[in-house]
Protein backbone atom coordinates (compact mmCIF):
# COMPACT_ATOMS: atom_id res chain seq x y z
CA MET A 1 -25.59 93.11 -24.03
CA ARG A 2 -26.84 90.43 -26.42
CA ASP A 3 -29.21 89.08 -23.78
CA GLU A 4 -30.62 92.55 -23.12
CA LEU A 5 -31.19 93.18 -26.83
CA GLU A 6 -32.94 89.84 -27.18
CA ARG A 7 -35.12 90.63 -24.17
CA VAL A 8 -36.13 94.04 -25.56
CA ARG A 9 -36.78 92.55 -29.00
CA ASP A 10 -38.95 89.82 -27.50
CA TRP A 11 -40.84 92.41 -25.45
CA ALA A 12 -41.55 94.44 -28.61
CA LYS A 13 -42.71 91.29 -30.41
CA GLY A 14 -45.04 90.59 -27.49
CA GLN A 15 -46.49 94.09 -27.70
CA ILE A 16 -47.32 93.51 -31.36
CA ARG A 17 -48.85 90.10 -30.61
CA ILE A 18 -51.17 91.41 -27.91
CA GLY A 19 -51.98 94.56 -29.87
CA SER A 20 -50.57 97.79 -28.54
CA LYS A 21 -52.87 100.50 -27.21
CA ALA A 22 -51.94 103.05 -29.85
CA PRO A 23 -51.77 101.97 -33.51
CA ALA A 24 -49.03 104.54 -34.12
CA SER A 25 -46.72 102.68 -31.76
CA TRP A 26 -46.86 99.57 -33.96
CA ASP A 27 -44.35 101.14 -36.39
CA GLN A 28 -42.02 101.93 -33.52
CA TYR A 29 -42.19 98.35 -32.26
CA VAL A 30 -41.39 97.06 -35.75
CA THR A 31 -38.46 99.48 -36.04
CA LEU A 32 -37.19 98.38 -32.64
CA ILE A 33 -37.43 94.70 -33.61
CA GLU A 34 -35.67 95.28 -36.93
CA SER A 35 -32.93 97.34 -35.30
CA ALA A 36 -32.33 94.76 -32.58
CA ASP A 37 -32.20 91.98 -35.19
CA ALA A 38 -29.64 93.93 -37.24
CA ILE A 39 -27.44 94.60 -34.21
CA LEU A 40 -27.66 90.97 -33.07
CA LEU A 41 -26.70 89.81 -36.57
CA GLU A 42 -23.68 92.13 -36.63
CA MET A 43 -22.66 90.88 -33.19
CA ALA A 44 -22.83 87.28 -34.43
CA VAL A 45 -20.73 88.14 -37.49
CA ALA A 46 -18.18 89.94 -35.31
CA VAL A 47 -17.76 86.82 -33.17
CA ASN A 48 -17.24 84.58 -36.20
CA PHE A 49 -15.09 86.98 -38.23
CA PRO A 50 -13.20 89.29 -35.83
CA GLU A 51 -10.81 90.43 -38.57
CA LEU A 52 -13.72 92.11 -40.38
CA VAL A 53 -14.67 94.24 -37.39
CA PRO A 54 -13.27 97.78 -37.51
CA PRO A 55 -11.16 98.88 -34.55
CA PRO A 56 -12.84 100.82 -31.74
CA LYS A 57 -13.05 104.57 -32.19
CA GLY A 58 -9.83 106.26 -31.21
CA GLN A 59 -7.74 103.40 -32.58
CA ARG A 60 -6.64 103.26 -36.17
CA TRP A 61 -5.24 100.31 -38.09
CA ASN A 62 -2.14 102.30 -39.01
CA SER A 63 -1.63 104.05 -35.67
CA GLY A 64 2.07 103.17 -35.58
CA TYR A 65 2.70 103.70 -39.28
CA SER A 66 3.00 107.49 -39.08
CA ARG A 67 5.91 107.27 -36.61
CA PHE A 68 8.10 105.69 -39.25
CA HIS A 69 7.43 108.21 -42.04
């Protein structure tokens, strides 16, 4: 997934470098680049600090707690 995000981000950067056909699309390319950068940063943080990553949806930290009370 990281490789795909990097590829899409690099493609969007290339579109800005060569000048896209429609000036209105420039904002969308910038938004795409910024979004991909943010996701890639969060992925890097998650690898280095797995205890800070929330559990996947459907799992709760206290899933077994309610059985005892």
